[in-house]
Amino acid sequence: MKNSKNKSCAAPKEREPVTHALKINSEYFHAVAMGEKSAEFRRADRDYRVGDLLTLREYGSFPWIDVKQGFSGEEITVQITHITDLSKWAAGYVMLSIRHEICTQMLDSSDSFDDELPF
């Protein structure tokens, strides 16, 4: 007899990518922004999935803007490309491999540039 309550073998339902807003220490924020850091060690407290976006908001001490501890206002959006479950080594944590979202604007071949820059 089949147990209809046992759904452990069911594949997770597909969903549209989600954007997760997270804070990130200033030193790590800059490493992500410069392309030197391509993974995030995070608590597995959200339904992270490959394809989701992370909006990483810089957090730290910024005495030059009179903020002792808080957000700088800077943020960067990256995409999750791979998720490693770290429960064997760090219960409740995952390693999220990330890449920068690439925003491009396609120019029509008829577009032209003036000799002067617009700024």
PDB file of N, CA and C in Angstrom:
ATOM      1  N   MET A   1       0.830  -1.173   0.000  1.00  0.00           N
ATOM      2  CA  MET A   1       0.000   0.000   0.000  1.00  0.00           C
ATOM      3  C   MET A   1       0.880   1.243   0.000  1.00  0.00           C
ATOM      4  N   LYS A   2       0.545   2.160  -0.835  1.00  0.00           N
ATOM      5  CA  LYS A   2       1.320   3.393  -0.982  1.00  0.00           C
ATOM      6  C   LYS A   2       0.890   4.419   0.064  1.00  0.00           C
ATOM      7  N   ASN A   3       1.859   5.023   0.730  1.00  0.00           N
ATOM      8  CA  ASN A   3       1.571   6.048   1.730  1.00  0.00           C
ATOM      9  C   ASN A   3       1.526   7.403   1.033  1.00  0.00           C
ATOM     10  N   SER A   4       0.339   7.990   0.927  1.00  0.00           N
ATOM     11  CA  SER A   4       0.184   9.252   0.202  1.00  0.00           C
ATOM     12  C   SER A   4       0.766  10.440   0.964  1.00  0.00           C
ATOM     13  N   LYS A   5       1.045  10.273   2.262  1.00  0.00           N
ATOM     14  CA  LYS A   5       1.609  11.372   3.042  1.00  0.00           C
ATOM     15  C   LYS A   5       3.111  11.497   2.857  1.00  0.00           C
ATOM     16  N   ASN A   6       3.778  10.447   2.364  1.00  0.00           N
ATOM     17  CA  ASN A   6       5.220  10.480   2.181  1.00  0.00           C
ATOM     18  C   ASN A   6       5.552  11.188   0.869  1.00  0.00           C
ATOM     19  N   LYS A   7       6.026  12.428   0.968  1.00  0.00           N
ATOM     20  CA  LYS A   7       6.345  13.218  -0.213  1.00  0.00           C
ATOM     21  C   LYS A   7       7.837  13.506  -0.307  1.00  0.00           C
ATOM     22  N   SER A   8       8.657  12.751   0.431  1.00  0.00           N
ATOM     23  CA  SER A   8      10.086  13.016   0.466  1.00  0.00           C
ATOM     24  C   SER A   8      10.756  12.772  -0.881  1.00  0.00           C
ATOM     25  N   CYS A   9      10.145  11.952  -1.735  1.00  0.00           N
ATOM     26  CA  CYS A   9      10.739  11.668  -3.041  1.00  0.00           C
ATOM     27  C   CYS A   9      10.314  12.671  -4.099  1.00  0.00           C
ATOM     28  N   ALA A  10       9.406  13.557  -3.775  1.00  0.00           N
ATOM     29  CA  ALA A  10       8.914  14.527  -4.754  1.00  0.00           C
ATOM     30  C   ALA A  10       9.974  15.587  -5.015  1.00  0.00           C
ATOM     31  N   ALA A  11      10.108  15.937  -6.281  1.00  0.00           N
ATOM     32  CA  ALA A  11      11.047  17.002  -6.653  1.00  0.00           C
ATOM     33  C   ALA A  11      10.478  18.346  -6.205  1.00  0.00           C
ATOM     34  N   PRO A  12      11.360  19.302  -5.843  1.00  0.00           N
ATOM     35  CA  PRO A  12      10.860  20.618  -5.451  1.00  0.00           C
ATOM     36  C   PRO A  12      10.142  21.277  -6.626  1.00  0.00           C
ATOM     37  N   LYS A  13       9.075  21.999  -6.318  1.00  0.00           N
ATOM     38  CA  LYS A  13       8.328  22.683  -7.366  1.00  0.00           C
ATOM     39  C   LYS A  13       9.168  23.814  -7.939  1.00  0.00           C
ATOM     40  N   GLU A  14       9.063  23.984  -9.251  1.00  0.00           N
ATOM     41  CA  GLU A  14       9.755  25.088  -9.908  1.00  0.00           C
ATOM     42  C   GLU A  14       9.108  26.400  -9.478  1.00  0.00           C
ATOM     43  N   ARG A  15       9.900  27.443  -9.425  1.00  0.00           N
ATOM     44  CA  ARG A  15       9.386  28.770  -9.110  1.00  0.00           C
ATOM     45  C   ARG A  15      10.232  29.792  -9.841  1.00  0.00           C
ATOM     46  N   GLU A  16       9.720  30.977  -9.949  1.00  0.00           N
ATOM     47  CA  GLU A  16      10.477  32.068 -10.542  1.00  0.00           C
ATOM     48  C   GLU A  16      11.636  32.418  -9.608  1.00  0.00           C
ATOM     49  N   PRO A  17      12.761  32.897 -10.157  1.00  0.00           N
ATOM     50  CA  PRO A  17      13.871  33.317  -9.288  1.00  0.00           C
ATOM     51  C   PRO A  17      13.425  34.410  -8.314  1.00  0.00           C
ATOM     52  N   VAL A  18      14.001  34.353  -7.130  1.00  0.00           N
ATOM     53  CA  VAL A  18      13.690  35.289  -6.053  1.00  0.00           C
ATOM     54  C   VAL A  18      14.921  36.145  -5.789  1.00  0.00           C
ATOM     55  N   THR A  19      14.716  37.384  -5.376  1.00  0.00           N
ATOM     56  CA  THR A  19      15.824  38.250  -4.960  1.00  0.00           C
ATOM     57  C   THR A  19      15.850  38.284  -3.442  1.00  0.00           C
ATOM     58  N   HIS A  20      17.010  37.905  -2.878  1.00  0.00           N
ATOM     59  CA  HIS A  20      17.216  37.909  -1.430  1.00  0.00           C
ATOM     60  C   HIS A  20      18.087  39.112  -1.085  1.00  0.00           C
ATOM     61  N   ALA A  21      17.617  40.004  -0.225  1.00  0.00           N
ATOM     62  CA  ALA A  21      18.404  41.151   0.228  1.00  0.00           C
ATOM     63  C   ALA A  21      19.166  40.736   1.483  1.00  0.00           C
ATOM     64  N   LEU A  22      20.502  40.860   1.427  1.00  0.00           N
ATOM     65  CA  LEU A  22      21.358  40.429   2.533  1.00  0.00           C
ATOM     66  C   LEU A  22      22.385  41.502   2.856  1.00  0.00           C
ATOM     67  N   LYS A  23      22.774  41.585   4.111  1.00  0.00           N
ATOM     68  CA  LYS A  23      23.870  42.487   4.441  1.00  0.00           C
ATOM     69  C   LYS A  23      25.180  41.724   4.324  1.00  0.00           C
ATOM     70  N   ILE A  24      26.241  42.479   4.023  1.00  0.00           N
ATOM     71  CA  ILE A  24      27.567  41.890   3.861  1.00  0.00           C
ATOM     72  C   ILE A  24      28.587  42.879   4.412  1.00  0.00           C
ATOM     73  N   ASN A  25      29.553  42.368   5.164  1.00  0.00           N
ATOM     74  CA  ASN A  25      30.612  43.208   5.726  1.00  0.00           C
ATOM     75  C   ASN A  25      31.340  43.966   4.624  1.00  0.00           C
ATOM     76  N   SER A  26      31.771  45.158   4.935  1.00  0.00           N
ATOM     77  CA  SER A  26      32.407  46.040   3.967  1.00  0.00           C
ATOM     78  C   SER A  26      33.577  45.387   3.230  1.00  0.00           C
ATOM     79  N   GLU A  27      34.466  44.706   3.950  1.00  0.00           N
ATOM     80  CA  GLU A  27      35.640  44.104   3.302  1.00  0.00           C
ATOM     81  C   GLU A  27      35.236  43.028   2.299  1.00  0.00           C
ATOM     82  N   TYR A  28      34.186  42.262   2.610  1.00  0.00           N
ATOM     83  CA  TYR A  28      33.726  41.220   1.704  1.00  0.00           C
ATOM     84  C   TYR A  28      32.941  41.812   0.537  1.00  0.00           C
ATOM     85  N   PHE A  29      32.201  42.889   0.826  1.00  0.00           N
ATOM     86  CA  PHE A  29      31.460  43.579  -0.232  1.00  0.00           C
ATOM     87  C   PHE A  29      32.413  44.022  -1.344  1.00  0.00           C
ATOM     88  N   HIS A  30      33.520  44.644  -0.952  1.00  0.00           N
ATOM     89  CA  HIS A  30      34.473  45.148  -1.944  1.00  0.00           C
ATOM     90  C   HIS A  30      35.131  44.004  -2.714  1.00  0.00           C
ATOM     91  N   ALA A  31      35.373  42.883  -2.054  1.00  0.00           N
ATOM     92  CA  ALA A  31      35.949  41.724  -2.749  1.00  0.00           C
ATOM     93  C   ALA A  31      34.971  41.163  -3.785  1.00  0.00           C
ATOM     94  N   VAL A  32      33.679  41.143  -3.463  1.00  0.00           N
ATOM     95  CA  VAL A  32      32.673  40.706  -4.442  1.00  0.00           C
ATOM     96  C   VAL A  32      32.617  41.707  -5.592  1.00  0.00           C
ATOM     97  N   ALA A  33      32.572  42.991  -5.265  1.00  0.00           N
ATOM     98  CA  ALA A  33      32.478  44.035  -6.285  1.00  0.00           C
ATOM     99  C   ALA A  33      33.665  44.017  -7.244  1.00  0.00           C
ATOM    100  N   MET A  34      34.850  43.657  -6.743  1.00  0.00           N
ATOM    101  CA  MET A  34      36.054  43.624  -7.585  1.00  0.00           C
ATOM    102  C   MET A  34      36.191  42.291  -8.324  1.00  0.00           C
ATOM    103  N   GLY A  35      35.292  41.353  -8.070  1.00  0.00           N
ATOM    104  CA  GLY A  35      35.345  40.055  -8.733  1.00  0.00           C
ATOM    105  C   GLY A  35      36.339  39.092  -8.108  1.00  0.00           C
ATOM    106  N   GLU A  36      36.848  39.422  -6.926  1.00  0.00           N
ATOM    107  CA  GLU A  36      37.834  38.581  -6.244  1.00  0.00           C
ATOM    108  C   GLU A  36      37.170  37.497  -5.388  1.00  0.00           C
ATOM    109  N   LYS A  37      35.900  37.673  -5.054  1.00  0.00           N
ATOM    110  CA  LYS A  37      35.165  36.739  -4.198  1.00  0.00           C
ATOM    111  C   LYS A  37      33.976  36.214  -4.989  1.00  0.00           C
ATOM    112  N   SER A  38      33.895  34.886  -5.128  1.00  0.00           N
ATOM    113  CA  SER A  38      32.841  34.314  -5.962  1.00  0.00           C
ATOM    114  C   SER A  38      31.980  33.292  -5.214  1.00  0.00           C
ATOM    115  N   ALA A  39      31.982  33.366  -3.878  1.00  0.00           N
ATOM    116  CA  ALA A  39      31.147  32.456  -3.088  1.00  0.00           C
ATOM    117  C   ALA A  39      30.757  33.149  -1.786  1.00  0.00           C
ATOM    118  N   GLU A  40      29.601  32.764  -1.275  1.00  0.00           N
ATOM    119  CA  GLU A  40      29.087  33.295  -0.009  1.00  0.00           C
ATOM    120  C   GLU A  40      28.741  32.139   0.915  1.00  0.00           C
ATOM    121  N   PHE A  41      29.299  32.160   2.111  1.00  0.00           N
ATOM    122  CA  PHE A  41      29.013  31.189   3.171  1.00  0.00           C
ATOM    123  C   PHE A  41      27.840  31.771   3.948  1.00  0.00           C
ATOM    124  N   ARG A  42      26.681  31.110   3.892  1.00  0.00           N
ATOM    125  CA  ARG A  42      25.478  31.677   4.492  1.00  0.00           C
ATOM    126  C   ARG A  42      24.685  30.645   5.269  1.00  0.00           C
ATOM    127  N   ARG A  43      23.913  31.126   6.238  1.00  0.00           N
ATOM    128  CA  ARG A  43      22.965  30.256   6.929  1.00  0.00           C
ATOM    129  C   ARG A  43      21.940  29.777   5.918  1.00  0.00           C
ATOM    130  N   ALA A  44      21.504  28.556   6.069  1.00  0.00           N
ATOM    131  CA  ALA A  44      20.493  27.985   5.172  1.00  0.00           C
ATOM    132  C   ALA A  44      19.104  28.308   5.719  1.00  0.00           C
ATOM    133  N   ASP A  45      18.863  29.582   5.993  1.00  0.00           N
ATOM    134  CA  ASP A  45      17.602  30.006   6.595  1.00  0.00           C
ATOM    135  C   ASP A  45      16.603  30.544   5.573  1.00  0.00           C
ATOM    136  N   ARG A  46      16.949  30.401   4.292  1.00  0.00           N
ATOM    137  CA  ARG A  46      16.071  30.843   3.206  1.00  0.00           C
ATOM    138  C   ARG A  46      16.016  29.752   2.165  1.00  0.00           C
ATOM    139  N   ASP A  47      15.067  29.844   1.287  1.00  0.00           N
ATOM    140  CA  ASP A  47      14.906  28.861   0.223  1.00  0.00           C
ATOM    141  C   ASP A  47      15.773  29.271  -0.974  1.00  0.00           C
ATOM    142  N   TYR A  48      17.103  29.262  -0.778  1.00  0.00           N
ATOM    143  CA  TYR A  48      18.016  29.623  -1.863  1.00  0.00           C
ATOM    144  C   TYR A  48      17.922  28.587  -2.974  1.00  0.00           C
ATOM    145  N   ARG A  49      17.935  29.060  -4.217  1.00  0.00           N
ATOM    146  CA  ARG A  49      17.939  28.162  -5.367  1.00  0.00           C
ATOM    147  C   ARG A  49      18.841  28.744  -6.443  1.00  0.00           C
ATOM    148  N   VAL A  50      19.406  27.847  -7.261  1.00  0.00           N
ATOM    149  CA  VAL A  50      20.230  28.290  -8.391  1.00  0.00           C
ATOM    150  C   VAL A  50      19.363  29.186  -9.269  1.00  0.00           C
ATOM    151  N   GLY A  51      19.923  30.323  -9.668  1.00  0.00           N
ATOM    152  CA  GLY A  51      19.195  31.294 -10.482  1.00  0.00           C
ATOM    153  C   GLY A  51      18.658  32.453  -9.671  1.00  0.00           C
ATOM    154  N   ASP A  52      18.521  32.274  -8.341  1.00  0.00           N
ATOM    155  CA  ASP A  52      18.081  33.376  -7.488  1.00  0.00           C
ATOM    156  C   ASP A  52      19.130  34.473  -7.495  1.00  0.00           C
ATOM    157  N   LEU A  53      18.693  35.675  -7.154  1.00  0.00           N
ATOM    158  CA  LEU A  53      19.596  36.820  -7.065  1.00  0.00           C
ATOM    159  C   LEU A  53      19.816  37.183  -5.601  1.00  0.00           C
ATOM    160  N   LEU A  54      21.012  37.641  -5.302  1.00  0.00           N
ATOM    161  CA  LEU A  54      21.336  38.176  -3.978  1.00  0.00           C
ATOM    162  C   LEU A  54      21.641  39.653  -4.152  1.00  0.00           C
ATOM    163  N   THR A  55      20.924  40.503  -3.464  1.00  0.00           N
ATOM    164  CA  THR A  55      21.287  41.912  -3.411  1.00  0.00           C
ATOM    165  C   THR A  55      22.073  42.078  -2.125  1.00  0.00           C
ATOM    166  N   LEU A  56      23.383  42.235  -2.279  1.00  0.00           N
ATOM    167  CA  LEU A  56      24.290  42.342  -1.130  1.00  0.00           C
ATOM    168  C   LEU A  56      24.444  43.819  -0.776  1.00  0.00           C
ATOM    169  N   ARG A  57      24.048  44.167   0.439  1.00  0.00           N
ATOM    170  CA  ARG A  57      24.087  45.557   0.910  1.00  0.00           C
ATOM    171  C   ARG A  57      25.257  45.728   1.871  1.00  0.00           C
ATOM    172  N   GLU A  58      26.149  46.642   1.521  1.00  0.00           N
ATOM    173  CA  GLU A  58      27.351  46.869   2.332  1.00  0.00           C
ATOM    174  C   GLU A  58      26.980  47.346   3.736  1.00  0.00           C
ATOM    175  N   TYR A  59      27.579  46.688   4.741  1.00  0.00           N
ATOM    176  CA  TYR A  59      27.299  46.976   6.137  1.00  0.00           C
ATOM    177  C   TYR A  59      28.622  47.076   6.888  1.00  0.00           C
ATOM    178  N   GLY A  60      28.744  48.059   7.749  1.00  0.00           N
ATOM    179  CA  GLY A  60      29.963  48.200   8.531  1.00  0.00           C
ATOM    180  C   GLY A  60      30.024  49.539   9.243  1.00  0.00           C
ATOM    181  N   SER A  61      31.253  49.960   9.579  1.00  0.00           N
ATOM    182  CA  SER A  61      31.491  51.251  10.210  1.00  0.00           C
ATOM    183  C   SER A  61      31.989  52.220   9.156  1.00  0.00           C
ATOM    184  N   PHE A  62      31.369  53.397   9.100  1.00  0.00           N
ATOM    185  CA  PHE A  62      31.733  54.394   8.092  1.00  0.00           C
ATOM    186  C   PHE A  62      31.831  55.762   8.754  1.00  0.00           C
ATOM    187  N   PRO A  63      32.915  56.008   9.518  1.00  0.00           N
ATOM    188  CA  PRO A  63      33.022  57.273  10.265  1.00  0.00           C
ATOM    189  C   PRO A  63      33.059  58.510   9.368  1.00  0.00           C
ATOM    190  N   TRP A  64      33.526  58.373   8.134  1.00  0.00           N
ATOM    191  CA  TRP A  64      33.604  59.520   7.237  1.00  0.00           C
ATOM    192  C   TRP A  64      32.230  59.986   6.766  1.00  0.00           C
ATOM    193  N   ILE A  65      31.197  59.144   6.934  1.00  0.00           N
ATOM    194  CA  ILE A  65      29.838  59.591   6.617  1.00  0.00           C
ATOM    195  C   ILE A  65      28.989  59.605   7.888  1.00  0.00           C
ATOM    196  N   ASP A  66      29.667  59.660   9.018  1.00  0.00           N
ATOM    197  CA  ASP A  66      29.026  59.776  10.330  1.00  0.00           C
ATOM    198  C   ASP A  66      28.115  58.593  10.657  1.00  0.00           C
ATOM    199  N   VAL A  67      28.515  57.387  10.225  1.00  0.00           N
ATOM    200  CA  VAL A  67      27.763  56.169  10.549  1.00  0.00           C
ATOM    201  C   VAL A  67      28.688  55.265  11.354  1.00  0.00           C
ATOM    202  N   LYS A  68      28.390  55.074  12.635  1.00  0.00           N
ATOM    203  CA  LYS A  68      29.230  54.226  13.469  1.00  0.00           C
ATOM    204  C   LYS A  68      29.066  52.760  13.107  1.00  0.00           C
ATOM    205  N   GLN A  69      27.851  52.341  12.800  1.00  0.00           N
ATOM    206  CA  GLN A  69      27.579  50.969  12.375  1.00  0.00           C
ATOM    207  C   GLN A  69      26.268  51.007  11.605  1.00  0.00           C
ATOM    208  N   GLY A  70      26.299  50.537  10.371  1.00  0.00           N
ATOM    209  CA  GLY A  70      25.073  50.525   9.579  1.00  0.00           C
ATOM    210  C   GLY A  70      25.362  50.292   8.107  1.00  0.00           C
ATOM    211  N   PHE A  71      24.381  50.597   7.280  1.00  0.00           N
ATOM    212  CA  PHE A  71      24.494  50.403   5.842  1.00  0.00           C
ATOM    213  C   PHE A  71      25.106  51.635   5.185  1.00  0.00           C
ATOM    214  N   SER A  72      25.978  51.407   4.209  1.00  0.00           N
ATOM    215  CA  SER A  72      26.620  52.510   3.501  1.00  0.00           C
ATOM    216  C   SER A  72      25.734  53.073   2.399  1.00  0.00           C
ATOM    217  N   GLY A  73      24.770  52.293   1.950  1.00  0.00           N
ATOM    218  CA  GLY A  73      23.948  52.695   0.807  1.00  0.00           C
ATOM    219  C   GLY A  73      24.410  52.030  -0.478  1.00  0.00           C
ATOM    220  N   GLU A  74      25.561  51.362  -0.434  1.00  0.00           N
ATOM    221  CA  GLU A  74      26.079  50.650  -1.600  1.00  0.00           C
ATOM    222  C   GLU A  74      25.527  49.229  -1.618  1.00  0.00           C
ATOM    223  N   GLU A  75      25.237  48.742  -2.822  1.00  0.00           N
ATOM    224  CA  GLU A  75      24.778  47.363  -2.955  1.00  0.00           C
ATOM    225  C   GLU A  75      25.191  46.826  -4.318  1.00  0.00           C
ATOM    226  N   ILE A  76      25.225  45.514  -4.410  1.00  0.00           N
ATOM    227  CA  ILE A  76      25.569  44.846  -5.658  1.00  0.00           C
ATOM    228  C   ILE A  76      24.662  43.617  -5.775  1.00  0.00           C
ATOM    229  N   THR A  77      24.233  43.329  -6.980  1.00  0.00           N
ATOM    230  CA  THR A  77      23.377  42.166  -7.213  1.00  0.00           C
ATOM    231  C   THR A  77      24.179  41.095  -7.927  1.00  0.00           C
ATOM    232  N   VAL A  78      24.109  39.879  -7.385  1.00  0.00           N
ATOM    233  CA  VAL A  78      24.804  38.726  -7.955  1.00  0.00           C
ATOM    234  C   VAL A  78      23.792  37.594  -8.113  1.00  0.00           C
ATOM    235  N   GLN A  79      24.146  36.623  -8.946  1.00  0.00           N
ATOM    236  CA  GLN A  79      23.268  35.488  -9.187  1.00  0.00           C
ATOM    237  C   GLN A  79      23.873  34.222  -8.601  1.00  0.00           C
ATOM    238  N   ILE A  80      23.034  33.374  -7.993  1.00  0.00           N
ATOM    239  CA  ILE A  80      23.489  32.088  -7.453  1.00  0.00           C
ATOM    240  C   ILE A  80      23.655  31.121  -8.624  1.00  0.00           C
ATOM    241  N   THR A  81      24.862  30.541  -8.745  1.00  0.00           N
ATOM    242  CA  THR A  81      25.138  29.595  -9.828  1.00  0.00           C
ATOM    243  C   THR A  81      25.246  28.158  -9.325  1.00  0.00           C
ATOM    244  N   HIS A  82      25.498  27.984  -8.028  1.00  0.00           N
ATOM    245  CA  HIS A  82      25.632  26.643  -7.460  1.00  0.00           C
ATOM    246  C   HIS A  82      25.441  26.743  -5.955  1.00  0.00           C
ATOM    247  N   ILE A  83      24.866  25.697  -5.360  1.00  0.00           N
ATOM    248  CA  ILE A  83      24.661  25.659  -3.910  1.00  0.00           C
ATOM    249  C   ILE A  83      25.262  24.369  -3.369  1.00  0.00           C
ATOM    250  N   THR A  84      26.167  24.503  -2.395  1.00  0.00           N
ATOM    251  CA  THR A  84      26.755  23.350  -1.729  1.00  0.00           C
ATOM    252  C   THR A  84      26.191  23.266  -0.320  1.00  0.00           C
ATOM    253  N   ASP A  85      25.575  22.143  -0.004  1.00  0.00           N
ATOM    254  CA  ASP A  85      25.051  21.902   1.336  1.00  0.00           C
ATOM    255  C   ASP A  85      26.225  21.557   2.243  1.00  0.00           C
ATOM    256  N   LEU A  86      26.438  22.347   3.266  1.00  0.00           N
ATOM    257  CA  LEU A  86      27.577  22.146   4.171  1.00  0.00           C
ATOM    258  C   LEU A  86      27.184  21.468   5.479  1.00  0.00           C
ATOM    259  N   SER A  87      26.012  20.845   5.509  1.00  0.00           N
ATOM    260  CA  SER A  87      25.504  20.284   6.766  1.00  0.00           C
ATOM    261  C   SER A  87      26.422  19.246   7.391  1.00  0.00           C
ATOM    262  N   LYS A  88      27.246  18.567   6.598  1.00  0.00           N
ATOM    263  CA  LYS A  88      28.185  17.594   7.173  1.00  0.00           C
ATOM    264  C   LYS A  88      29.274  18.282   7.992  1.00  0.00           C
ATOM    265  N   TRP A  89      29.609  19.500   7.618  1.00  0.00           N
ATOM    266  CA  TRP A  89      30.721  20.214   8.264  1.00  0.00           C
ATOM    267  C   TRP A  89      30.256  21.391   9.097  1.00  0.00           C
ATOM    268  N   ALA A  90      29.188  22.050   8.657  1.00  0.00           N
ATOM    269  CA  ALA A  90      28.652  23.220   9.361  1.00  0.00           C
ATOM    270  C   ALA A  90      27.128  23.149   9.277  1.00  0.00           C
ATOM    271  N   ALA A  91      26.530  22.541  10.277  1.00  0.00           N
ATOM    272  CA  ALA A  91      25.076  22.326  10.266  1.00  0.00           C
ATOM    273  C   ALA A  91      24.330  23.640  10.083  1.00  0.00           C
ATOM    274  N   GLY A  92      23.378  23.627   9.144  1.00  0.00           N
ATOM    275  CA  GLY A  92      22.552  24.808   8.913  1.00  0.00           C
ATOM    276  C   GLY A  92      23.165  25.846   8.001  1.00  0.00           C
ATOM    277  N   TYR A  93      24.239  25.499   7.286  1.00  0.00           N
ATOM    278  CA  TYR A  93      24.905  26.463   6.401  1.00  0.00           C
ATOM    279  C   TYR A  93      25.032  25.919   4.984  1.00  0.00           C
ATOM    280  N   VAL A  94      25.128  26.846   4.038  1.00  0.00           N
ATOM    281  CA  VAL A  94      25.357  26.503   2.637  1.00  0.00           C
ATOM    282  C   VAL A  94      26.446  27.416   2.083  1.00  0.00           C
ATOM    283  N   MET A  95      27.093  26.946   1.017  1.00  0.00           N
ATOM    284  CA  MET A  95      28.045  27.778   0.275  1.00  0.00           C
ATOM    285  C   MET A  95      27.370  28.102  -1.052  1.00  0.00           C
ATOM    286  N   LEU A  96      27.170  29.391  -1.309  1.00  0.00           N
ATOM    287  CA  LEU A  96      26.526  29.846  -2.530  1.00  0.00           C
ATOM    288  C   LEU A  96      27.592  30.343  -3.492  1.00  0.00           C
ATOM    289  N   SER A  97      27.749  29.671  -4.620  1.00  0.00           N
ATOM    290  CA  SER A  97      28.641  30.181  -5.666  1.00  0.00           C
ATOM    291  C   SER A  97      27.868  31.270  -6.398  1.00  0.00           C
ATOM    292  N   ILE A  98      28.541  32.382  -6.679  1.00  0.00           N
ATOM    293  CA  ILE A  98      27.856  33.548  -7.246  1.00  0.00           C
ATOM    294  C   ILE A  98      28.610  34.115  -8.433  1.00  0.00           C
ATOM    295  N   ARG A  99      27.883  34.837  -9.264  1.00  0.00           N
ATOM    296  CA  ARG A  99      28.491  35.611 -10.349  1.00  0.00           C
ATOM    297  C   ARG A  99      27.725  36.917 -10.472  1.00  0.00           C
ATOM    298  N   HIS A 100      28.428  37.919 -10.961  1.00  0.00           N
ATOM    299  CA  HIS A 100      27.801  39.225 -11.163  1.00  0.00           C
ATOM    300  C   HIS A 100      26.734  39.119 -12.230  1.00  0.00           C
ATOM    301  N   GLU A 101      25.628  39.790 -12.007  1.00  0.00           N
ATOM    302  CA  GLU A 101      24.618  39.920 -13.044  1.00  0.00           C
ATOM    303  C   GLU A 101      25.191  40.874 -14.088  1.00  0.00           C
ATOM    304  N   ILE A 102      25.076  40.509 -15.324  1.00  0.00           N
ATOM    305  CA  ILE A 102      25.614  41.345 -16.390  1.00  0.00           C
ATOM    306  C   ILE A 102      24.466  42.108 -17.027  1.00  0.00           C
ATOM    307  N   CYS A 103      24.516  43.420 -16.918  1.00  0.00           N
ATOM    308  CA  CYS A 103      23.503  44.269 -17.531  1.00  0.00           C
ATOM    309  C   CYS A 103      24.112  44.881 -18.782  1.00  0.00           C
ATOM    310  N   THR A 104      23.516  44.592 -19.891  1.00  0.00           N
ATOM    311  CA  THR A 104      24.033  45.141 -21.138  1.00  0.00           C
ATOM    312  C   THR A 104      22.920  45.852 -21.871  1.00  0.00           C
ATOM    313  N   GLN A 105      23.304  46.835 -22.623  1.00  0.00           N
ATOM    314  CA  GLN A 105      22.352  47.552 -23.452  1.00  0.00           C
ATOM    315  C   GLN A 105      22.782  47.340 -24.894  1.00  0.00           C
ATOM    316  N   MET A 106      21.913  46.758 -25.670  1.00  0.00           N
ATOM    317  CA  MET A 106      22.223  46.508 -27.071  1.00  0.00           C
ATOM    318  C   MET A 106      21.982  47.785 -27.861  1.00  0.00           C
ATOM    319  N   LEU A 107      22.948  48.130 -28.691  1.00  0.00           N
ATOM    320  CA  LEU A 107      22.814  49.301 -29.541  1.00  0.00           C
ATOM    321  C   LEU A 107      22.407  48.869 -30.933  1.00  0.00           C
ATOM    322  N   ASP A 108      21.476  49.581 -31.484  1.00  0.00           N
ATOM    323  CA  ASP A 108      21.051  49.345 -32.858  1.00  0.00           C
ATOM    324  C   ASP A 108      22.189  49.775 -33.772  1.00  0.00           C
ATOM    325  N   SER A 109      22.373  49.092 -34.878  1.00  0.00           N
ATOM    326  CA  SER A 109      23.488  49.417 -35.786  1.00  0.00           C
ATOM    327  C   SER A 109      23.354  50.820 -36.363  1.00  0.00           C
ATOM    328  N   SER A 110      22.154  51.396 -36.313  1.00  0.00           N
ATOM    329  CA  SER A 110      21.974  52.754 -36.828  1.00  0.00           C
ATOM    330  C   SER A 110      22.325  53.817 -35.798  1.00  0.00           C
ATOM    331  N   ASP A 111      22.548  53.406 -34.546  1.00  0.00           N
ATOM    332  CA  ASP A 111      22.932  54.360 -33.509  1.00  0.00           C
ATOM    333  C   ASP A 111      24.323  54.893 -33.801  1.00  0.00           C
ATOM    334  N   SER A 112      24.519  56.157 -33.496  1.00  0.00           N
ATOM    335  CA  SER A 112      25.848  56.744 -33.712  1.00  0.00           C
ATOM    336  C   SER A 112      26.235  57.535 -32.472  1.00  0.00           C
ATOM    337  N   PHE A 113      27.518  57.787 -32.349  1.00  0.00           N
ATOM    338  CA  PHE A 113      28.031  58.541 -31.221  1.00  0.00           C
ATOM    339  C   PHE A 113      28.529  59.898 -31.707  1.00  0.00           C
ATOM    340  N   ASP A 114      28.243  60.914 -30.915  1.00  0.00           N
ATOM    341  CA  ASP A 114      28.772  62.243 -31.208  1.00  0.00           C
ATOM    342  C   ASP A 114      30.218  62.287 -30.749  1.00  0.00           C
ATOM    343  N   ASP A 115      30.924  63.299 -31.199  1.00  0.00           N
ATOM    344  CA  ASP A 115      32.317  63.460 -30.780  1.00  0.00           C
ATOM    345  C   ASP A 115      32.411  63.812 -29.306  1.00  0.00           C
ATOM    346  N   GLU A 116      31.358  64.407 -28.753  1.00  0.00           N
ATOM    347  CA  GLU A 116      31.390  64.805 -27.356  1.00  0.00           C
ATOM    348  C   GLU A 116      30.709  63.749 -26.490  1.00  0.00           C
ATOM    349  N   LEU A 117      31.248  63.562 -25.316  1.00  0.00           N
ATOM    350  CA  LEU A 117      30.652  62.636 -24.372  1.00  0.00           C
ATOM    351  C   LEU A 117      29.474  63.318 -23.683  1.00  0.00           C
ATOM    352  N   PRO A 118      28.437  62.564 -23.326  1.00  0.00           N
ATOM    353  CA  PRO A 118      27.244  63.166 -22.723  1.00  0.00           C
ATOM    354  C   PRO A 118      27.412  63.567 -21.268  1.00  0.00           C
ATOM    355  N   PHE A 119      28.595  63.434 -20.712  1.00  0.00           N
ATOM    356  CA  PHE A 119      28.804  63.804 -19.304  1.00  0.00           C
ATOM    357  C   PHE A 119      30.060  64.578 -19.125  1.00  0.00           C
TER     358      PHE A 119
END
